[in-house]
C-alpha atoms as a PDB file:
ATOM      1  CA  MET A   1      -5.088  -0.950   8.430  1.00  0.00           C
ATOM      2  CA  ILE A   2      -3.483  -0.308   5.037  1.00  0.00           C
ATOM      3  CA  PRO A   3      -0.808  -2.858   4.037  1.00  0.00           C
ATOM      4  CA  VAL A   4       2.567  -1.435   3.008  1.00  0.00           C
ATOM      5  CA  GLY A   5       5.936  -2.933   2.159  1.00  0.00           C
ATOM      6  CA  VAL A   6       9.573  -1.974   2.647  1.00  0.00           C
ATOM      7  CA  VAL A   7      11.914  -3.056  -0.127  1.00  0.00           C
ATOM      8  CA  GLY A   8      15.534  -3.055   1.010  1.00  0.00           C
ATOM      9  CA  ALA A   9      14.848  -2.882   4.727  1.00  0.00           C
ATOM     10  CA  ARG A  10      18.216  -4.048   6.045  1.00  0.00           C
ATOM     11  CA  GLY A  11      19.965  -0.669   6.031  1.00  0.00           C
ATOM     12  CA  PHE A  12      19.790   2.261   8.433  1.00  0.00           C
ATOM     13  CA  VAL A  13      16.905   3.895   6.559  1.00  0.00           C
ATOM     14  CA  GLY A  14      15.020   0.617   6.250  1.00  0.00           C
ATOM     15  CA  GLY A  15      15.352  -0.026   9.969  1.00  0.00           C
ATOM     16  CA  GLU A  16      14.172   3.484  10.760  1.00  0.00           C
ATOM     17  CA  LEU A  17      11.203   3.023   8.439  1.00  0.00           C
ATOM     18  CA  LEU A  18      10.223  -0.146  10.269  1.00  0.00           C
ATOM     19  CA  ARG A  19      10.505   1.659  13.615  1.00  0.00           C
ATOM     20  CA  TYR A  20       7.998   4.262  12.421  1.00  0.00           C
ATOM     21  CA  LEU A  21       5.687   1.873  10.573  1.00  0.00           C
ATOM     22  CA  LEU A  22       5.391  -0.819  13.242  1.00  0.00           C
ATOM     23  CA  GLN A  23       3.877   1.771  15.576  1.00  0.00           C
ATOM     24  CA  HIS A  24       1.772   3.552  12.947  1.00  0.00           C
ATOM     25  CA  PRO A  25      -1.957   3.765  13.766  1.00  0.00           C
ATOM     26  CA  HIS A  26      -3.136   3.167  10.177  1.00  0.00           C
ATOM     27  CA  LEU A  27      -0.372   1.326   8.307  1.00  0.00           C
ATOM     28  CA  HIS A  28       0.478  -2.375   8.536  1.00  0.00           C
ATOM     29  CA  VAL A  29       3.836  -3.758   7.345  1.00  0.00           C
ATOM     30  CA  ALA A  30       2.865  -6.743   5.215  1.00  0.00           C
ATOM     31  CA  TYR A  31       5.988  -7.196   3.109  1.00  0.00           C
ATOM     32  CA  VAL A  32       9.676  -6.625   3.816  1.00  0.00           C
ATOM     33  CA  THR A  33      12.736  -7.577   1.768  1.00  0.00           C
ATOM     34  CA  SER A  34      16.495  -7.912   2.050  1.00  0.00           C
ATOM     35  CA  ASP A  35      18.551  -9.706  -0.568  1.00  0.00           C
ATOM     36  CA  THR A  36      21.256 -10.551   1.984  1.00  0.00           C
ATOM     37  CA  GLN A  37      18.952 -11.617   4.838  1.00  0.00           C
ATOM     38  CA  ALA A  38      16.115 -13.406   2.988  1.00  0.00           C
ATOM     39  CA  GLY A  39      14.472 -15.981   5.260  1.00  0.00           C
ATOM     40  CA  ALA A  40      15.828 -14.445   8.451  1.00  0.00           C
ATOM     41  CA  PRO A  41      13.636 -12.763  11.097  1.00  0.00           C
ATOM     42  CA  VAL A  42      13.546  -8.980  10.894  1.00  0.00           C
ATOM     43  CA  ALA A  43      14.106  -8.757  14.647  1.00  0.00           C
ATOM     44  CA  ALA A  44      17.392 -10.664  14.286  1.00  0.00           C
ATOM     45  CA  SER A  45      18.785  -7.753  12.282  1.00  0.00           C
ATOM     46  CA  PHE A  46      17.066  -5.129  14.429  1.00  0.00           C
ATOM     47  CA  PRO A  47      16.993  -6.294  18.066  1.00  0.00           C
ATOM     48  CA  SER A  48      15.284  -3.018  18.978  1.00  0.00           C
ATOM     49  CA  LEU A  49      12.199  -4.355  17.166  1.00  0.00           C
ATOM     50  CA  HIS A  50      11.896  -7.555  19.245  1.00  0.00           C
ATOM     51  CA  GLY A  51       8.299  -7.951  20.330  1.00  0.00           C
ATOM     52  CA  LEU A  52       7.059  -5.520  17.691  1.00  0.00           C
ATOM     53  CA  THR A  53       7.152  -7.829  14.667  1.00  0.00           C
ATOM     54  CA  ASN A  54       7.291 -11.469  13.628  1.00  0.00           C
ATOM     55  CA  LEU A  55       8.106 -10.625  10.019  1.00  0.00           C
ATOM     56  CA  THR A  56      10.875 -12.326   8.089  1.00  0.00           C
ATOM     57  CA  PHE A  57      12.828 -10.855   5.199  1.00  0.00           C
ATOM     58  CA  SER A  58      12.120 -12.166   1.706  1.00  0.00           C
ATOM     59  CA  GLN A  59      13.712 -11.733  -1.712  1.00  0.00           C
ATOM     60  CA  PHE A  60      12.065  -8.988  -3.734  1.00  0.00           C
ATOM     61  CA  ASP A  61       9.498 -10.132  -6.259  1.00  0.00           C
ATOM     62  CA  ALA A  62       7.449  -7.450  -8.018  1.00  0.00           C
ATOM     63  CA  GLU A  63       4.345  -9.613  -8.364  1.00  0.00           C
ATOM     64  CA  GLU A  64       4.430 -10.653  -4.701  1.00  0.00           C
ATOM     65  CA  ALA A  65       5.099  -7.079  -3.607  1.00  0.00           C
ATOM     66  CA  ALA A  66       2.123  -5.729  -5.552  1.00  0.00           C
ATOM     67  CA  ALA A  67      -0.131  -8.468  -4.195  1.00  0.00           C
ATOM     68  CA  SER A  68       0.941  -7.807  -0.599  1.00  0.00           C
ATOM     69  CA  ALA A  69       0.859  -4.018  -0.256  1.00  0.00           C
ATOM     70  CA  GLU A  70      -0.932  -0.899  -1.436  1.00  0.00           C
ATOM     71  CA  LEU A  71       2.222   1.200  -1.200  1.00  0.00           C
ATOM     72  CA  LEU A  72       5.877   0.195  -1.441  1.00  0.00           C
ATOM     73  CA  PHE A  73       8.775   2.059   0.108  1.00  0.00           C
ATOM     74  CA  PHE A  74      11.942   1.495  -1.922  1.00  0.00           C
ATOM     75  CA  ALA A  75      14.936   1.878   0.417  1.00  0.00           C
ATOM     76  CA  LEU A  76      17.446   0.614  -2.137  1.00  0.00           C
ATOM     77  CA  PRO A  77      20.760   1.919  -3.446  1.00  0.00           C
ATOM     78  CA  ASP A  78      20.600   4.334  -6.367  1.00  0.00           C
ATOM     79  CA  GLY A  79      19.823   2.662  -9.676  1.00  0.00           C
ATOM     80  CA  GLN A  80      17.572  -0.133  -8.413  1.00  0.00           C
ATOM     81  CA  ALA A  81      14.173   1.478  -7.795  1.00  0.00           C
ATOM     82  CA  MET A  82      14.022   2.665 -11.413  1.00  0.00           C
ATOM     83  CA  GLN A  83      14.204  -0.987 -12.457  1.00  0.00           C
ATOM     84  CA  HIS A  84      11.455  -2.259 -10.140  1.00  0.00           C
ATOM     85  CA  SER A  85       9.006   0.647  -9.925  1.00  0.00           C
ATOM     86  CA  PRO A  86       7.385   0.265 -13.372  1.00  0.00           C
ATOM     87  CA  ALA A  87       6.012  -3.206 -12.592  1.00  0.00           C
ATOM     88  CA  VAL A  88       4.672  -2.125  -9.189  1.00  0.00           C
ATOM     89  CA  LEU A  89       3.032   0.986 -10.625  1.00  0.00           C
ATOM     90  CA  ALA A  90       1.547  -1.023 -13.512  1.00  0.00           C
ATOM     91  CA  ALA A  91      -0.150  -3.221 -10.903  1.00  0.00           C
ATOM     92  CA  GLY A  92      -1.937  -0.146  -9.548  1.00  0.00           C
ATOM     93  CA  LYS A  93       0.197   0.341  -6.444  1.00  0.00           C
ATOM     94  CA  LYS A  94       1.923   3.453  -5.128  1.00  0.00           C
ATOM     95  CA  VAL A  95       5.669   3.972  -4.628  1.00  0.00           C
ATOM     96  CA  VAL A  96       7.784   6.150  -2.351  1.00  0.00           C
ATOM     97  CA  ASP A  97      11.367   5.913  -3.590  1.00  0.00           C
ATOM     98  CA  ILE A  98      13.988   6.935  -1.020  1.00  0.00           C
ATOM     99  CA  SER A  99      16.911   6.728  -3.462  1.00  0.00           C
ATOM    100  CA  GLY A 100      17.894   9.402  -5.962  1.00  0.00           C
ATOM    101  CA  ASP A 101      16.354   7.658  -8.976  1.00  0.00           C
ATOM    102  CA  PHE A 102      13.416  10.014  -9.519  1.00  0.00           C
ATOM    103  CA  ARG A 103      14.432  13.240  -7.771  1.00  0.00           C
ATOM    104  CA  VAL A 104      15.867  14.946 -10.854  1.00  0.00           C
ATOM    105  CA  ARG A 105      13.205  15.478 -13.508  1.00  0.00           C
ATOM    106  CA  ASP A 106      15.505  16.037 -16.481  1.00  0.00           C
ATOM    107  CA  ARG A 107      17.049  12.801 -17.755  1.00  0.00           C
ATOM    108  CA  ALA A 108      20.249  14.386 -19.037  1.00  0.00           C
ATOM    109  CA  THR A 109      20.788  16.211 -15.751  1.00  0.00           C
ATOM    110  CA  TYR A 110      20.196  13.003 -13.814  1.00  0.00           C
ATOM    111  CA  GLU A 111      22.672  11.056 -15.932  1.00  0.00           C
ATOM    112  CA  GLN A 112      25.264  13.822 -15.629  1.00  0.00           C
ATOM    113  CA  TRP A 113      25.162  13.911 -11.828  1.00  0.00           C
ATOM    114  CA  TYR A 114      24.520  10.237 -11.086  1.00  0.00           C
ATOM    115  CA  ARG A 115      26.764   8.895 -13.871  1.00  0.00           C
ATOM    116  CA  ARG A 116      24.421   6.126 -14.929  1.00  0.00           C
ATOM    117  CA  GLU A 117      21.746   5.609 -17.544  1.00  0.00           C
ATOM    118  CA  HIS A 118      18.172   6.109 -16.390  1.00  0.00           C
ATOM    119  CA  VAL A 119      16.255   3.013 -17.456  1.00  0.00           C
ATOM    120  CA  SER A 120      12.764   4.378 -16.714  1.00  0.00           C
ATOM    121  CA  PRO A 121      12.878   7.944 -18.053  1.00  0.00           C
ATOM    122  CA  HIS A 122       9.170   7.845 -18.917  1.00  0.00           C
ATOM    123  CA  LEU A 123       8.430   8.048 -15.176  1.00  0.00           C
ATOM    124  CA  LEU A 124      10.544  11.143 -14.488  1.00  0.00           C
ATOM    125  CA  PRO A 125       7.872  13.707 -15.517  1.00  0.00           C
ATOM    126  CA  GLU A 126       5.321  11.953 -13.306  1.00  0.00           C
ATOM    127  CA  ALA A 127       7.399  11.626 -10.141  1.00  0.00           C
ATOM    128  CA  VAL A 128       6.547  14.239  -7.519  1.00  0.00           C
ATOM    129  CA  TYR A 129       9.376  15.631  -5.428  1.00  0.00           C
ATOM    130  CA  GLY A 130       8.451  14.498  -1.936  1.00  0.00           C
ATOM    131  CA  LEU A 131       8.732  17.651   0.135  1.00  0.00           C
ATOM    132  CA  PRO A 132       5.073  18.446   0.908  1.00  0.00           C
ATOM    133  CA  GLU A 133       5.927  21.833   2.382  1.00  0.00           C
ATOM    134  CA  LEU A 134       6.821  22.856  -1.185  1.00  0.00           C
ATOM    135  CA  HIS A 135       4.876  20.256  -3.200  1.00  0.00           C
ATOM    136  CA  PRO A 136       1.312  19.767  -1.916  1.00  0.00           C
ATOM    137  CA  GLU A 137       0.601  17.703  -5.050  1.00  0.00           C
ATOM    138  CA  VAL A 138       2.135  14.762  -3.180  1.00  0.00           C
ATOM    139  CA  ARG A 139      -1.458  14.050  -2.125  1.00  0.00           C
ATOM    140  CA  GLU A 140      -2.411  13.061  -5.689  1.00  0.00           C
ATOM    141  CA  ALA A 141       0.784  11.224  -6.602  1.00  0.00           C
ATOM    142  CA  ARG A 142       1.325   7.537  -7.238  1.00  0.00           C
ATOM    143  CA  LEU A 143       5.139   7.922  -7.468  1.00  0.00           C
ATOM    144  CA  VAL A 144       6.996  10.149  -5.012  1.00  0.00           C
ATOM    145  CA  ALA A 145      10.718  10.807  -5.012  1.00  0.00           C
ATOM    146  CA  ASN A 146      11.776  11.217  -1.397  1.00  0.00           C
ATOM    147  CA  PRO A 147      14.306  14.073  -1.203  1.00  0.00           C
ATOM    148  CA  GLY A 148      17.915  13.652  -0.213  1.00  0.00           C
ATOM    149  CA  CYS A 149      18.709  14.394   3.418  1.00  0.00           C
ATOM    150  CA  TYR A 150      20.919  17.422   2.772  1.00  0.00           C
ATOM    151  CA  PRO A 151      18.426  18.926   0.290  1.00  0.00           C
ATOM    152  CA  VAL A 152      15.605  18.729   2.849  1.00  0.00           C
ATOM    153  CA  ALA A 153      17.599  20.803   5.321  1.00  0.00           C
ATOM    154  CA  MET A 154      18.797  23.213   2.648  1.00  0.00           C
ATOM    155  CA  LEU A 155      15.516  23.732   0.811  1.00  0.00           C
ATOM    156  CA  LEU A 156      13.444  24.320   3.938  1.00  0.00           C
ATOM    157  CA  ALA A 157      16.007  26.916   5.027  1.00  0.00           C
ATOM    158  CA  LEU A 158      16.123  28.670   1.641  1.00  0.00           C
ATOM    159  CA  ALA A 159      12.530  28.414   0.378  1.00  0.00           C
ATOM    160  CA  PRO A 160      11.006  31.464   2.109  1.00  0.00           C
ATOM    161  CA  LEU A 161      13.752  33.770   0.835  1.00  0.00           C
ATOM    162  CA  VAL A 162      13.792  32.385  -2.700  1.00  0.00           C
ATOM    163  CA  SER A 163      10.009  32.325  -3.097  1.00  0.00           C
ATOM    164  CA  ARG A 164       9.745  35.987  -2.049  1.00  0.00           C
ATOM    165  CA  GLY A 165      12.576  37.112  -4.326  1.00  0.00           C
ATOM    166  CA  LEU A 166      14.859  38.044  -1.443  1.00  0.00           C
ATOM    167  CA  ALA A 167      17.724  35.722  -2.409  1.00  0.00           C
ATOM    168  CA  ARG A 168      20.205  36.666  -5.121  1.00  0.00           C
ATOM    169  CA  PRO A 169      20.763  33.831  -7.614  1.00  0.00           C
ATOM    170  CA  GLY A 170      24.416  32.875  -7.446  1.00  0.00           C
ATOM    171  CA  GLY A 171      24.642  34.262  -3.937  1.00  0.00           C
ATOM    172  CA  VAL A 172      23.884  31.108  -1.931  1.00  0.00           C
ATOM    173  CA  VAL A 173      26.569  29.198  -0.028  1.00  0.00           C
ATOM    174  CA  VAL A 174      25.713  26.189   2.130  1.00  0.00           C
ATOM    175  CA  ASP A 175      27.983  24.635   4.741  1.00  0.00           C
ATOM    176  CA  ALA A 176      26.318  21.466   6.039  1.00  0.00           C
ATOM    177  CA  LYS A 177      27.324  18.692   8.440  1.00  0.00           C
ATOM    178  CA  SER A 178      25.892  15.190   8.742  1.00  0.00           C
ATOM    179  CA  GLY A 179      26.168  12.210  11.050  1.00  0.00           C
ATOM    180  CA  VAL A 180      27.825   9.029   9.769  1.00  0.00           C
ATOM    181  CA  SER A 181      24.537   7.157   9.246  1.00  0.00           C
ATOM    182  CA  GLY A 182      24.044   9.369   6.198  1.00  0.00           C
ATOM    183  CA  ALA A 183      26.616   7.198   4.421  1.00  0.00           C
ATOM    184  CA  GLY A 184      24.270   4.202   4.717  1.00  0.00           C
ATOM    185  CA  ALA A 185      24.773   0.710   6.118  1.00  0.00           C
ATOM    186  CA  ARG A 186      27.035  -1.137   3.725  1.00  0.00           C
ATOM    187  CA  VAL A 187      28.730  -4.487   4.097  1.00  0.00           C
ATOM    188  CA  GLY A 188      32.480  -3.996   4.062  1.00  0.00           C
ATOM    189  CA  MET A 189      32.334  -0.224   4.415  1.00  0.00           C
ATOM    190  CA  SER A 190      35.629   1.460   3.611  1.00  0.00           C
ATOM    191  CA  GLU A 191      38.114   2.410   6.284  1.00  0.00           C
ATOM    192  CA  GLU A 192      37.167   6.088   6.006  1.00  0.00           C
ATOM    193  CA  TYR A 193      33.892   5.287   7.808  1.00  0.00           C
ATOM    194  CA  SER A 194      35.445   3.146  10.541  1.00  0.00           C
ATOM    195  CA  PHE A 195      35.381   4.254  14.178  1.00  0.00           C
ATOM    196  CA  PRO A 196      39.105   5.220  14.310  1.00  0.00           C
ATOM    197  CA  ALA A 197      38.677   7.365  11.190  1.00  0.00           C
ATOM    198  CA  ILE A 198      35.499   9.086  12.395  1.00  0.00           C
ATOM    199  CA  ASN A 199      35.975   9.459  16.147  1.00  0.00           C
ATOM    200  CA  GLU A 200      37.306  12.864  17.270  1.00  0.00           C
ATOM    201  CA  ASN A 201      37.557  13.886  13.610  1.00  0.00           C
ATOM    202  CA  PHE A 202      35.746  16.258  11.253  1.00  0.00           C
ATOM    203  CA  ARG A 203      36.177  16.456   7.498  1.00  0.00           C
ATOM    204  CA  ALA A 204      34.703  17.822   4.294  1.00  0.00           C
ATOM    205  CA  TYR A 205      33.902  15.754   1.211  1.00  0.00           C
ATOM    206  CA  GLY A 206      32.254  16.135  -2.215  1.00  0.00           C
ATOM    207  CA  MET A 207      33.428  19.719  -2.298  1.00  0.00           C
ATOM    208  CA  THR A 208      32.668  20.565  -5.923  1.00  0.00           C
ATOM    209  CA  GLY A 209      30.337  17.864  -7.186  1.00  0.00           C
ATOM    210  CA  HIS A 210      27.924  16.432  -4.624  1.00  0.00           C
ATOM    211  CA  ARG A 211      24.958  14.997  -6.526  1.00  0.00           C
ATOM    212  CA  HIS A 212      22.451  16.603  -4.158  1.00  0.00           C
ATOM    213  CA  ILE A 213      23.241  19.935  -5.807  1.00  0.00           C
ATOM    214  CA  ALA A 214      21.143  18.910  -8.822  1.00  0.00           C
ATOM    215  CA  GLU A 215      17.895  18.528  -6.919  1.00  0.00           C
ATOM    216  CA  VAL A 216      18.458  21.638  -4.811  1.00  0.00           C
ATOM    217  CA  GLU A 217      19.019  23.833  -7.868  1.00  0.00           C
ATOM    218  CA  GLN A 218      16.012  22.225  -9.558  1.00  0.00           C
ATOM    219  CA  GLU A 219      13.762  22.966  -6.603  1.00  0.00           C
ATOM    220  CA  LEU A 220      15.012  26.533  -6.150  1.00  0.00           C
ATOM    221  CA  ALA A 221      14.055  27.157  -9.785  1.00  0.00           C
ATOM    222  CA  HIS A 222      10.643  25.604  -9.051  1.00  0.00           C
ATOM    223  CA  LEU A 223      10.117  28.207  -6.337  1.00  0.00           C
ATOM    224  CA  GLN A 224      10.545  30.953  -8.969  1.00  0.00           C
ATOM    225  CA  PRO A 225       8.775  29.600 -12.092  1.00  0.00           C
ATOM    226  CA  GLY A 226      10.173  31.182 -15.230  1.00  0.00           C
ATOM    227  CA  GLY A 227      12.776  32.920 -13.139  1.00  0.00           C
ATOM    228  CA  ASN A 228      16.504  32.635 -12.737  1.00  0.00           C
ATOM    229  CA  GLU A 229      18.697  29.596 -13.149  1.00  0.00           C
ATOM    230  CA  TRP A 230      20.215  28.766  -9.780  1.00  0.00           C
ATOM    231  CA  ARG A 231      23.786  27.846  -8.968  1.00  0.00           C
ATOM    232  CA  ILE A 232      24.747  27.168  -5.365  1.00  0.00           C
ATOM    233  CA  THR A 233      27.987  26.431  -3.572  1.00  0.00           C
ATOM    234  CA  PHE A 234      27.581  23.446  -1.245  1.00  0.00           C
ATOM    235  CA  THR A 235      30.162  21.770   0.960  1.00  0.00           C
ATOM    236  CA  PRO A 236      29.104  18.747   3.049  1.00  0.00           C
ATOM    237  CA  HIS A 237      31.035  17.628   6.123  1.00  0.00           C
ATOM    238  CA  LEU A 238      31.090  14.415   8.133  1.00  0.00           C
ATOM    239  CA  LEU A 239      30.529  14.759  11.869  1.00  0.00           C
ATOM    240  CA  PRO A 240      31.620  12.126  14.430  1.00  0.00           C
ATOM    241  CA  ILE A 241      27.983  11.530  15.463  1.00  0.00           C
ATOM    242  CA  THR A 242      25.477   8.854  14.482  1.00  0.00           C
ATOM    243  CA  ARG A 243      22.618  10.960  13.149  1.00  0.00           C
ATOM    244  CA  GLY A 244      21.649  14.541  12.465  1.00  0.00           C
ATOM    245  CA  ILE A 245      22.256  17.357   9.983  1.00  0.00           C
ATOM    246  CA  LEU A 246      22.978  21.012  10.659  1.00  0.00           C
ATOM    247  CA  ALA A 247      23.009  23.216   7.558  1.00  0.00           C
ATOM    248  CA  THR A 248      24.232  26.808   7.636  1.00  0.00           C
ATOM    249  CA  CYS A 249      23.030  28.705   4.572  1.00  0.00           C
ATOM    250  CA  TYR A 250      24.511  32.094   3.654  1.00  0.00           C
ATOM    251  CA  VAL A 251      22.257  34.071   1.313  1.00  0.00           C
ATOM    252  CA  ASP A 252      22.992  37.388  -0.383  1.00  0.00           C
ATOM    253  CA  LEU A 253      19.848  39.493   0.012  1.00  0.00           C
ATOM    254  CA  THR A 254      18.317  41.549  -2.769  1.00  0.00           C
ATOM    255  CA  GLU A 255      17.045  44.228  -0.385  1.00  0.00           C
ATOM    256  CA  ASP A 256      17.585  45.519   3.120  1.00  0.00           C
ATOM    257  CA  VAL A 257      15.598  43.528   5.680  1.00  0.00           C
ATOM    258  CA  ASN A 258      16.203  42.845   9.355  1.00  0.00           C
ATOM    259  CA  ALA A 259      16.206  39.600  11.331  1.00  0.00           C
ATOM    260  CA  PRO A 260      12.790  40.074  13.012  1.00  0.00           C
ATOM    261  CA  ALA A 261      11.178  40.656   9.618  1.00  0.00           C
ATOM    262  CA  LEU A 262      12.753  37.499   8.196  1.00  0.00           C
ATOM    263  CA  THR A 263      11.754  35.443  11.214  1.00  0.00           C
ATOM    264  CA  ALA A 264       8.172  36.662  10.759  1.00  0.00           C
ATOM    265  CA  LEU A 265       8.370  35.736   7.066  1.00  0.00           C
ATOM    266  CA  TYR A 266       9.547  32.220   7.916  1.00  0.00           C
ATOM    267  CA  ARG A 267       6.797  31.719  10.481  1.00  0.00           C
ATOM    268  CA  GLU A 268       4.175  32.839   8.003  1.00  0.00           C
ATOM    269  CA  PHE A 269       5.611  30.651   5.237  1.00  0.00           C
ATOM    270  CA  TYR A 270       5.497  27.523   7.432  1.00  0.00           C
ATOM    271  CA  ALA A 271       2.357  28.340   9.412  1.00  0.00           C
ATOM    272  CA  ARG A 272       0.587  25.230   8.058  1.00  0.00           C
ATOM    273  CA  ALA A 273       3.623  22.939   8.041  1.00  0.00           C
ATOM    274  CA  PRO A 274       3.319  20.710  11.131  1.00  0.00           C
ATOM    275  CA  PHE A 275       6.900  19.435  10.983  1.00  0.00           C
ATOM    276  CA  VAL A 276       8.703  22.760  10.549  1.00  0.00           C
ATOM    277  CA  HIS A 277       9.386  24.917  13.600  1.00  0.00           C
ATOM    278  CA  VAL A 278      10.891  28.405  13.373  1.00  0.00           C
ATOM    279  CA  GLN A 279      12.619  29.705  16.469  1.00  0.00           C
ATOM    280  CA  ASP A 280      14.821  32.619  17.476  1.00  0.00           C
ATOM    281  CA  ALA A 281      17.699  30.586  18.935  1.00  0.00           C
ATOM    282  CA  PRO A 282      19.996  28.544  16.660  1.00  0.00           C
ATOM    283  CA  PRO A 283      18.810  24.905  16.429  1.00  0.00           C
ATOM    284  CA  GLU A 284      20.897  21.900  17.438  1.00  0.00           C
ATOM    285  CA  VAL A 285      20.937  18.413  15.939  1.00  0.00           C
ATOM    286  CA  HIS A 286      19.866  16.811  19.241  1.00  0.00           C
ATOM    287  CA  HIS A 287      16.637  18.801  19.079  1.00  0.00           C
ATOM    288  CA  THR A 288      15.421  16.742  16.105  1.00  0.00           C
ATOM    289  CA  ALA A 289      16.942  13.306  16.819  1.00  0.00           C
ATOM    290  CA  GLY A 290      14.501  10.476  16.124  1.00  0.00           C
ATOM    291  CA  THR A 291      11.841  12.796  14.678  1.00  0.00           C
ATOM    292  CA  ASN A 292      10.407  14.052  11.397  1.00  0.00           C
ATOM    293  CA  ARG A 293      10.932  17.663  12.471  1.00  0.00           C
ATOM    294  CA  CYS A 294      12.967  20.477  10.967  1.00  0.00           C
ATOM    295  CA  ILE A 295      13.970  23.391  13.187  1.00  0.00           C
ATOM    296  CA  LEU A 296      14.927  26.667  11.531  1.00  0.00           C
ATOM    297  CA  SER A 297      16.306  29.998  12.602  1.00  0.00           C
ATOM    298  CA  VAL A 298      17.321  33.007  10.529  1.00  0.00           C
ATOM    299  CA  THR A 299      19.274  36.176  11.198  1.00  0.00           C
ATOM    300  CA  VAL A 300      20.875  38.958   9.154  1.00  0.00           C
ATOM    301  CA  ASP A 301      24.439  40.198   8.932  1.00  0.00           C
ATOM    302  CA  ALA A 302      23.594  43.818   8.164  1.00  0.00           C
ATOM    303  CA  ARG A 303      27.215  44.685   7.355  1.00  0.00           C
ATOM    304  CA  THR A 304      27.296  42.276   4.393  1.00  0.00           C
ATOM    305  CA  ARG A 305      23.526  42.327   3.694  1.00  0.00           C
ATOM    306  CA  ARG A 306      23.524  38.564   3.986  1.00  0.00           C
ATOM    307  CA  ALA A 307      20.990  36.275   5.656  1.00  0.00           C
ATOM    308  CA  ILE A 308      22.269  33.362   7.725  1.00  0.00           C
ATOM    309  CA  CYS A 309      19.745  30.528   7.863  1.00  0.00           C
ATOM    310  CA  LEU A 310      20.229  27.521  10.129  1.00  0.00           C
ATOM    311  CA  SER A 311      18.415  24.230   9.640  1.00  0.00           C
ATOM    312  CA  ALA A 312      18.534  21.102  11.822  1.00  0.00           C
ATOM    313  CA  ILE A 313      17.020  17.725  10.928  1.00  0.00           C
ATOM    314  CA  ASP A 314      17.583  14.055  11.648  1.00  0.00           C
ATOM    315  CA  ASN A 315      19.045  12.660   8.424  1.00  0.00           C
ATOM    316  CA  LEU A 316      17.252   9.349   9.083  1.00  0.00           C
ATOM    317  CA  GLY A 317      14.005  11.102  10.061  1.00  0.00           C
ATOM    318  CA  LYS A 318      12.989  14.210   8.137  1.00  0.00           C
ATOM    319  CA  GLY A 319      15.897  13.427   5.822  1.00  0.00           C
ATOM    320  CA  ALA A 320      14.714   9.911   4.915  1.00  0.00           C
ATOM    321  CA  ALA A 321      12.365   7.530   6.752  1.00  0.00           C
ATOM    322  CA  GLY A 322      10.187  10.053   8.564  1.00  0.00           C
ATOM    323  CA  GLN A 323       9.772  12.050   5.357  1.00  0.00           C
ATOM    324  CA  ALA A 324       8.833   8.856   3.501  1.00  0.00           C
ATOM    325  CA  VAL A 325       6.084   8.092   6.039  1.00  0.00           C
ATOM    326  CA  HIS A 326       4.888  11.711   5.810  1.00  0.00           C
ATOM    327  CA  ASN A 327       4.591  11.312   2.035  1.00  0.00           C
ATOM    328  CA  ALA A 328       2.837   7.961   2.354  1.00  0.00           C
ATOM    329  CA  ASN A 329       0.307   9.430   4.776  1.00  0.00           C
ATOM    330  CA  LEU A 330      -0.632  12.082   2.227  1.00  0.00           C
ATOM    331  CA  MET A 331      -0.678   9.677  -0.735  1.00  0.00           C
ATOM    332  CA  LEU A 332      -3.020   7.332   1.141  1.00  0.00           C
ATOM    333  CA  GLY A 333      -5.382  10.065   2.332  1.00  0.00           C
ATOM    334  CA  LEU A 334      -4.358   9.878   5.990  1.00  0.00           C
ATOM    335  CA  GLU A 335      -3.684  12.654   8.475  1.00  0.00           C
ATOM    336  CA  GLU A 336      -0.184  13.844   7.564  1.00  0.00           C
ATOM    337  CA  THR A 337       1.105  13.654  11.135  1.00  0.00           C
ATOM    338  CA  ALA A 338      -0.063  10.060  11.710  1.00  0.00           C
ATOM    339  CA  GLY A 339       2.681   8.009  13.342  1.00  0.00           C
ATOM    340  CA  LEU A 340       5.076  10.948  13.385  1.00  0.00           C
ATOM    341  CA  THR A 341       4.190  12.972  16.474  1.00  0.00           C
ATOM    342  CA  GLY A 342       6.826  11.793  18.959  1.00  0.00           C
ATOM    343  CA  GLY A 343       9.313  14.167  20.538  1.00  0.00           C
ATOM    344  CA  ALA A 344      13.055  14.154  20.046  1.00  0.00           C
ATOM    345  CA  LEU A 345      15.462  11.865  21.879  1.00  0.00           C
ATOM    346  CA  TRP A 346      17.100  13.787  24.715  1.00  0.00           C
ATOM    347  CA  PRO A 347      19.847  13.900  25.803  1.00  0.00           C
END
């Protein structure tokens, strides 16, 4: 068993990581931290893990972390992993960062969108964007930047069209909806995330400046090296559900193509991607709940010559913790599906 650690395990993503890792056939959780719950049993914060672990939370210490684990998952708020990663990497360990600290390769672009100084810019060129379907070099990485949840859904939906030159730059509009767990587990969360504000409600947010735009545009450009600069329109919405993302992507096509041809293209593109399933019927968020799967469907509005691509993921699974375990499997030389083969929760 390979020892791993979870830094910042008290939140929704940290708890989901522990759920995956404690049942993993090849990984052993040897180190787990929470600044607010140090000294307390993990199972006290996550009753669903009773009987699966006797671990207790500790305060993060880089030297202790490096001595305890071969790979560290950083499930911390933005701005913290960039402070701690250098010491862990210098000790010869690997890092999967689930925050936004290393997703954007250009320092100036990062600082523009995240509105903070990057204190470890020397690591930005090295960090691999952790979407193995588009970045197989994850296997050789020692630092992986786990993608944002919305970008996972968006990029998997858009990649086949962009990589084949079928999408018009400037002609991409994404309307995406997420469950409330995407906001994270925060002490004293604002009233806008309370049950009365969320229940039987539906609202948009971040309409012209969501920071996930930066990584999506970066990765679309990566799919067409030396090609066009991408600009997308993206509007996220908050659904009154716990988990799940459904992204509807509208793409202006550069040539006439029908829905069966696009579906065949998508199936070919993801033929070797075990966590991506292409189907004819529109996907639903329940179909991916509790999994590391992405379900896609694509059709064509012939009247407007526009593709409509639908993508469903679990924002805590393929959008965060499941994706992090997928990356760790590859970084550690394991079968990529290890610990990630369960079906979706239903109903």
